[in-house]
Protein backbone atom coordinates (compact mmCIF):
# COMPACT_ATOMS: atom_id res chain seq x y z
CA MET A 1 23.40 60.02 -129.36
CA LYS A 2 22.89 56.93 -126.19
CA LEU A 3 22.59 59.59 -123.93
CA ILE A 4 20.16 61.74 -124.96
CA LYS A 5 16.82 59.78 -124.22
CA PRO A 6 18.22 59.18 -120.28
CA LEU A 7 19.36 62.78 -119.70
CA GLY A 8 15.92 64.02 -121.72
CA ILE A 9 14.11 62.22 -119.22
CA LEU A 10 16.33 63.09 -116.35
CA ALA A 11 15.75 66.76 -117.40
CA LEU A 12 12.48 66.44 -117.81
CA ILE A 13 12.06 64.52 -113.89
CA TYR A 14 14.19 67.57 -112.77
CA CYS A 15 11.74 70.30 -114.62
CA CYS A 16 8.82 68.30 -112.55
CA LEU A 17 10.74 67.95 -109.32
CA GLY A 18 11.27 71.54 -108.73
CA PRO A 19 8.00 73.11 -108.97
CA LEU A 20 6.65 70.17 -106.89
CA LEU A 21 9.47 70.85 -104.00
CA LEU A 22 8.44 74.07 -103.83
CA VAL A 23 4.41 73.54 -103.42
CA VAL A 24 4.97 70.90 -101.02
CA GLU A 25 7.53 73.05 -98.93
CA SER A 26 5.34 76.33 -98.70
CA LYS A 27 2.29 74.48 -97.72
CA ALA A 28 4.75 72.69 -95.42
CA GLY A 29 5.72 75.70 -94.05
CA LEU A 30 9.54 74.72 -93.85
CA VAL A 31 10.47 77.86 -95.53
CA SER A 32 9.24 80.49 -97.85
CA PRO A 33 9.39 79.51 -101.82
CA MET A 34 11.86 82.21 -103.08
CA GLN A 35 14.12 80.82 -100.24
CA GLN A 36 14.58 77.41 -101.82
CA ALA A 37 14.33 78.34 -105.17
CA LEU A 38 17.51 79.06 -106.03
CA PRO A 39 19.04 76.17 -103.83
CA ILE A 40 16.66 73.77 -106.31
CA THR A 41 17.93 75.16 -109.27
CA LEU A 42 21.50 74.96 -108.20
CA LEU A 43 20.79 71.43 -107.17
CA ALA A 44 19.22 70.47 -110.25
CA VAL A 45 22.26 71.61 -112.38
CA PHE A 46 24.50 69.97 -109.97
CA PHE A 47 22.75 66.51 -110.25
CA PHE A 48 22.27 66.77 -114.45
CA THR A 49 25.67 67.89 -114.95
CA TYR A 50 27.19 65.03 -112.79
CA SER A 51 25.04 62.43 -114.50
CA LEU A 52 25.97 64.10 -117.61
CA LEU A 53 29.15 63.25 -116.79
CA GLY A 54 29.47 60.07 -115.23
CA LEU A 55 27.20 58.37 -118.07
CA TYR A 56 29.70 59.88 -120.52
CA LEU A 57 32.70 58.25 -118.58
CA PHE A 58 30.06 55.00 -118.64
CA ASN A 59 29.36 54.41 -121.75
CA ARG A 60 33.12 55.06 -122.77
CA LEU A 61 33.82 52.28 -120.78
CA ILE A 62 31.07 50.01 -121.92
CA GLY A 63 32.01 50.75 -125.23
CA ARG A 64 35.61 49.69 -125.02
CA GLN A 65 34.46 46.27 -122.91
CA SER A 66 36.69 48.00 -120.24
CA LYS A 67 36.47 45.44 -117.07
CA SER A 68 36.59 48.64 -114.35
CA VAL A 69 33.19 49.11 -115.29
CA MET A 70 31.84 48.03 -112.19
CA HIS A 71 34.71 49.66 -110.08
CA PHE A 72 33.67 53.20 -111.98
CA TYR A 73 30.45 52.43 -111.07
CA LEU A 74 30.65 51.88 -107.59
CA ILE A 75 33.34 55.16 -107.38
CA SER A 76 30.71 57.33 -108.84
CA LYS A 77 28.17 56.16 -106.57
CA THR A 78 30.12 56.68 -103.62
CA LEU A 79 31.62 60.18 -104.95
CA ARG A 80 28.03 61.34 -105.41
CA PHE A 81 27.06 60.64 -101.87
CA PHE A 82 30.64 62.42 -100.80
CA LEU A 83 29.82 65.25 -102.85
CA SER A 84 25.82 65.51 -101.40
CA MET A 85 27.34 65.21 -97.98
CA VAL A 86 29.50 68.38 -98.67
CA LEU A 87 27.07 70.48 -100.08
CA ILE A 88 24.94 70.36 -96.60
CA VAL A 89 27.83 70.99 -94.60
CA ILE A 90 28.46 73.55 -97.20
CA TYR A 91 25.37 75.04 -97.10
CA GLY A 92 24.62 74.45 -93.24
CA VAL A 93 27.67 77.06 -92.84
CA LEU A 94 27.54 79.28 -95.36
CA ILE A 95 23.75 80.03 -95.04
CA ARG A 96 22.33 78.24 -91.93
CA GLU A 97 18.64 79.56 -92.87
CA GLY A 98 16.24 76.39 -94.03
CA LEU A 99 18.37 73.87 -93.71
CA LEU A 100 15.80 71.43 -93.54
CA ALA A 101 14.55 72.00 -96.59
CA PHE A 102 17.61 72.10 -98.40
CA ALA A 103 18.26 68.42 -96.79
CA ILE A 104 15.43 67.52 -97.81
CA ASN A 105 15.66 68.66 -101.69
CA LEU A 106 18.95 67.02 -101.74
CA PHE A 107 17.95 63.78 -100.68
CA VAL A 108 14.82 63.78 -103.37
CA PHE A 109 17.46 65.11 -105.88
CA TYR A 110 19.94 62.63 -105.08
CA LEU A 111 17.50 59.65 -104.65
CA VAL A 112 15.93 60.67 -108.28
CA THR A 113 19.31 60.62 -109.59
CA VAL A 114 20.47 57.41 -108.15
CA VAL A 115 17.16 55.54 -109.51
CA VAL A 116 17.36 56.87 -112.84
CA THR A 117 21.48 56.02 -113.38
CA THR A 118 21.34 53.08 -111.79
CA LEU A 119 18.41 52.19 -113.75
CA TYR A 120 20.29 53.13 -117.18
CA CYS A 121 23.48 51.34 -116.01
CA ALA A 122 21.51 48.55 -115.68
CA LYS A 123 20.42 47.71 -118.83
CA ALA A 124 23.37 49.15 -120.71
CA GLU A 125 25.22 46.41 -118.63
CA HIS A 126 22.83 43.95 -119.53
CA ASN A 127 22.51 45.18 -123.58
CA ASN A 128 26.31 45.05 -123.56
CA LYS A 129 25.85 41.28 -121.78
CA LYS A 130 23.64 39.78 -124.41
CA SER A 131 25.70 41.56 -127.55
CA LYS A 132 28.75 39.59 -126.26
CA ILE A 133 26.94 36.07 -126.43
């Protein structure tokens, strides 16, 4: 239940971010909006699913008072970065067209996800330390 609010906020941000990115790209003339509509949707689903799993595991570790919370947090950030780089490579090899627009979209989704999950994790750890005292 603790995850509903942060994931709802993240979903709302993604719902606003996708159309905004399409408008910006079409105005900038990078690619046609329909060329990036599917990749933007898939990026939103990927980052939302990754955040869902990551925050679920984070909450379980916090709930158990585990000492490996910091390790999990660092591994999660590293894995997210690695998977993002793999996505760029896969897109570049398979599609090649509109790679710059895809990389910009991926960077924006990556940045938003990192900010939201970091804020949530920092708040959860702060509340956890407060409850220990």
